[in-house]
Protein backbone atom coordinates (compact mmCIF):
# COMPACT_ATOMS: atom_id res chain seq x y z
CA MET A 1 0.11 -0.02 0.12
CA PRO A 2 1.44 3.35 -0.94
CA SER A 3 2.60 5.70 1.75
CA HIS A 4 0.11 8.62 0.65
CA LYS A 5 -3.21 6.32 1.38
CA PRO A 6 -2.57 6.13 5.29
CA ALA A 7 -2.00 9.74 5.51
CA LEU A 8 -5.25 10.53 3.17
CA LEU A 9 -7.35 8.24 5.38
CA ARG A 10 -6.00 9.73 8.96
CA THR A 11 -6.80 13.37 7.35
CA THR A 12 -10.17 12.12 6.08
CA VAL A 13 -10.70 10.41 9.77
CA VAL A 14 -9.71 13.93 11.46
CA ALA A 15 -12.12 15.95 8.78
CA ALA A 16 -15.17 13.90 9.85
CA THR A 17 -14.14 13.65 13.63
CA ALA A 18 -13.77 17.62 13.74
CA ALA A 19 -17.08 17.91 11.36
CA ALA A 20 -18.67 16.08 13.86
CA SER A 21 -17.45 17.61 16.63
CA ALA A 22 -18.26 21.29 15.38
CA PHE A 23 -22.07 19.74 14.16
CA PHE A 24 -22.73 18.75 17.68
CA ALA A 25 -21.08 21.97 19.38
CA LEU A 26 -23.42 23.92 16.81
CA ALA A 27 -26.62 21.88 17.16
CA PRO A 28 -27.99 23.97 20.08
CA ALA A 29 -28.00 26.96 17.94
CA ALA A 30 -30.38 24.95 15.32
CA THR A 31 -32.92 24.71 18.43
CA GLY A 32 -32.88 28.21 19.08
CA ALA A 33 -30.32 28.39 21.68
CA ALA A 34 -28.27 31.64 21.76
CA GLN A 35 -24.59 30.82 19.73
CA ASP A 36 -21.25 32.34 20.85
CA THR A 37 -20.17 34.03 17.84
CA ALA A 38 -16.33 33.54 19.13
CA SER A 39 -17.09 30.02 19.94
CA ALA A 40 -18.37 29.20 16.35
CA ALA A 41 -15.35 31.26 14.67
CA ALA A 42 -12.99 28.71 17.01
CA VAL A 43 -15.09 25.64 15.96
CA THR A 44 -14.56 26.88 12.00
CA SER A 45 -11.16 27.74 12.54
CA VAL A 46 -10.35 24.26 14.13
CA VAL A 47 -12.51 22.44 11.29
CA ALA A 48 -11.33 24.20 8.25
CA PRO A 49 -7.64 23.12 8.54
CA ALA A 50 -8.40 19.57 9.06
CA VAL A 51 -10.71 19.87 5.79
CA ALA A 52 -8.41 21.48 3.46
CA PRO A 53 -5.88 18.73 2.66
CA ALA A 54 -9.12 16.52 1.44
CA VAL A 55 -10.28 19.34 -0.84
CA PRO A 56 -8.14 19.30 -4.18
CA ALA A 57 -6.70 22.76 -4.57
CA ALA A 58 -8.68 23.84 -7.93
CA ALA A 59 -11.93 23.43 -6.06
CA PRO A 60 -13.19 26.32 -3.87
CA ALA A 61 -13.36 25.32 -0.05
CA ALA A 62 -17.09 25.06 1.08
CA PRO A 63 -18.03 26.06 4.42
CA VAL A 64 -17.86 22.95 6.67
CA VAL A 65 -20.78 24.11 9.03
CA GLU A 66 -23.04 26.89 8.36
CA THR A 67 -25.14 28.63 11.45
CA PRO A 68 -29.02 28.48 10.13
CA VAL A 69 -30.04 31.97 9.00
CA GLN A 70 -33.30 33.10 10.89
CA ASP A 71 -36.34 34.04 8.66
CA VAL A 72 -37.10 37.59 10.05
CA ALA A 73 -40.66 37.28 9.14
CA ALA A 74 -40.94 34.06 10.90
CA THR A 75 -39.04 35.33 14.10
CA THR A 76 -41.31 38.69 14.08
CA ALA A 77 -44.54 36.27 14.04
CA LEU A 78 -43.33 34.36 17.06
CA ASN A 79 -42.19 37.12 19.22
CA PRO A 80 -44.77 39.36 20.70
CA ALA A 81 -42.10 42.12 21.49
CA ALA A 82 -41.09 42.48 18.03
CA LEU A 83 -44.66 42.87 17.11
CA ARG A 84 -45.43 45.64 19.81
CA LEU A 85 -42.28 47.56 18.38
CA ALA A 86 -43.26 46.95 14.99
CA ALA A 87 -46.86 48.53 16.15
CA MET A 88 -45.17 51.43 17.72
CA ASN A 89 -42.95 52.28 14.96
CA THR A 90 -45.93 52.20 12.70
CA ALA A 91 -47.87 54.55 14.88
CA LEU A 92 -44.69 56.78 15.03
CA ALA A 93 -44.58 56.88 11.27
CA GLN A 94 -48.07 58.66 11.24
CA ILE A 95 -46.97 61.85 13.40
CA GLY A 96 -48.40 64.79 12.00
CA LYS A 97 -51.47 63.27 10.44
CA PRO A 98 -54.70 65.23 11.73
CA TYR A 99 -56.87 63.92 14.59
CA ARG A 100 -60.31 62.81 13.60
CA TYR A 101 -63.07 61.45 15.60
CA GLY A 102 -63.81 58.10 14.58
CA ALA A 103 -61.20 57.99 12.28
CA SER A 104 -59.15 54.81 12.07
CA GLY A 105 -56.65 55.90 9.33
CA PRO A 106 -54.49 55.72 7.30
CA SER A 107 -55.00 59.61 6.48
CA ALA A 108 -56.58 60.83 9.73
CA PHE A 109 -56.70 59.11 13.37
CA ASP A 110 -58.69 59.59 16.56
CA CYS A 111 -56.63 57.93 19.91
CA SER A 112 -58.16 54.33 19.26
CA GLY A 113 -58.02 54.42 15.60
CA LEU A 114 -54.57 54.92 15.62
CA THR A 115 -53.77 52.19 18.32
CA SER A 116 -55.89 49.63 16.39
CA TRP A 117 -54.76 50.58 12.99
CA ALA A 118 -51.11 49.97 13.90
CA PHE A 119 -51.51 47.09 15.53
CA LYS A 120 -53.52 45.61 12.69
CA GLN A 121 -50.52 46.69 10.26
CA VAL A 122 -47.92 44.01 12.13
CA GLY A 123 -50.86 41.34 12.03
CA VAL A 124 -52.51 42.01 15.83
CA THR A 125 -56.20 42.42 16.11
CA ILE A 126 -57.33 44.60 18.91
CA PRO A 127 -60.76 46.18 19.66
CA ARG A 128 -61.61 49.84 17.97
CA THR A 129 -62.44 51.46 21.07
CA SER A 130 -59.81 52.63 23.73
CA ARG A 131 -62.39 50.96 26.65
CA ALA A 132 -62.24 48.18 24.70
CA GLN A 133 -58.60 47.75 24.14
CA SER A 134 -58.31 48.62 28.14
CA ALA A 135 -59.29 44.85 28.88
CA VAL A 136 -56.96 43.10 26.04
CA GLY A 137 -53.57 41.35 26.98
CA THR A 138 -51.90 41.44 30.12
CA PRO A 139 -52.02 44.63 32.81
CA VAL A 140 -48.34 46.39 33.47
CA ALA A 141 -47.77 48.56 36.11
CA LYS A 142 -46.38 51.94 35.67
CA ALA A 143 -43.30 51.32 36.72
CA ASN A 144 -42.82 48.40 33.91
CA LEU A 145 -43.65 50.04 31.00
CA GLN A 146 -42.23 48.90 27.65
CA PRO A 147 -42.07 50.42 24.14
CA GLY A 148 -45.14 49.04 22.29
CA ASP A 149 -47.56 48.61 25.47
CA LEU A 150 -50.89 50.42 25.29
CA VAL A 151 -51.34 53.16 27.81
CA PHE A 152 -54.92 54.31 28.90
CA PHE A 153 -55.82 57.65 30.66
CA TYR A 154 -59.13 59.32 32.57
CA LYS A 155 -61.44 57.58 34.53
CA PRO A 156 -63.22 55.87 33.15
CA VAL A 157 -60.87 54.84 30.26
CA SER A 158 -61.46 57.61 27.41
CA HIS A 159 -57.98 58.11 25.80
CA VAL A 160 -55.36 55.26 24.76
CA ALA A 161 -51.70 55.92 23.39
CA ILE A 162 -48.73 53.69 22.57
CA TYR A 163 -45.58 53.86 25.15
CA ILE A 164 -42.26 54.52 23.40
CA GLY A 165 -39.82 54.73 26.34
CA ASN A 166 -38.18 57.37 28.12
CA GLY A 167 -41.55 58.32 29.68
CA GLN A 168 -43.05 59.40 26.02
CA VAL A 169 -46.23 58.23 24.32
CA VAL A 170 -47.47 58.53 20.80
CA HIS A 171 -50.97 59.28 20.47
CA ALA A 172 -53.76 60.74 18.27
CA SER A 173 -54.74 63.58 21.05
CA THR A 174 -57.51 65.66 20.37
CA SER A 175 -59.17 67.82 17.50
CA GLY A 176 -56.99 70.33 16.23
CA GLN A 177 -53.77 68.61 17.07
CA PRO A 178 -51.96 65.85 15.03
CA VAL A 179 -50.54 62.71 15.85
CA LYS A 180 -47.83 63.54 18.10
CA ILE A 181 -45.39 62.43 21.06
CA SER A 182 -46.09 63.49 24.34
CA PRO A 183 -44.85 62.71 27.97
CA LEU A 184 -46.82 60.28 29.52
CA ALA A 185 -47.16 62.62 32.77
CA ASN A 186 -48.96 64.98 30.73
CA MET A 187 -52.34 63.03 31.02
CA PRO A 188 -54.12 61.37 34.12
CA PHE A 189 -52.70 57.85 33.94
CA ASN A 190 -55.00 54.84 34.37
CA SER A 191 -53.69 51.91 33.13
CA ALA A 192 -51.46 49.97 30.99
CA ARG A 193 -51.66 46.46 28.72
CA ARG A 194 -49.23 44.53 26.92
CA VAL A 195 -50.70 42.80 23.97
């Protein structure tokens, strides 16, 4: 048996063992667990030299292990926090549009018309009125507000806005005022809900 065959066999076994190790090291990433970029780079650098001798010099080296790319739309559809942020950003994009009582967009809004329209644009259906919206989702304490949460004002509830962070909300406030950002503290807080 010529001397180059054992070397080729040993290289193949080492490459297969390294590839198997890399697969099992990265397998949690395929199930959704977080993957440390540094360890992924380390695994690739260990695997790549072992595989390189088995690949002919003329052929481009193929990646040994690939981390799966997440589908952004699927991730958003399964992630309520991402949907809330998308609804918030949709509402923010309406700043400057006029207030009109009973309007549900897209050219004019009242308070609950803005919130229901913004959530509908990202595939989440909530009731049309502020009072009905105040009963959906889960209650949130004022101290635990997160961007995208619905915030309700007055007793009984008669106004709704979307919390955007830093003590601010986006809302369609009242006649003569366009969709705008206002401090949360400017209105009498009633409650908040997370959908």
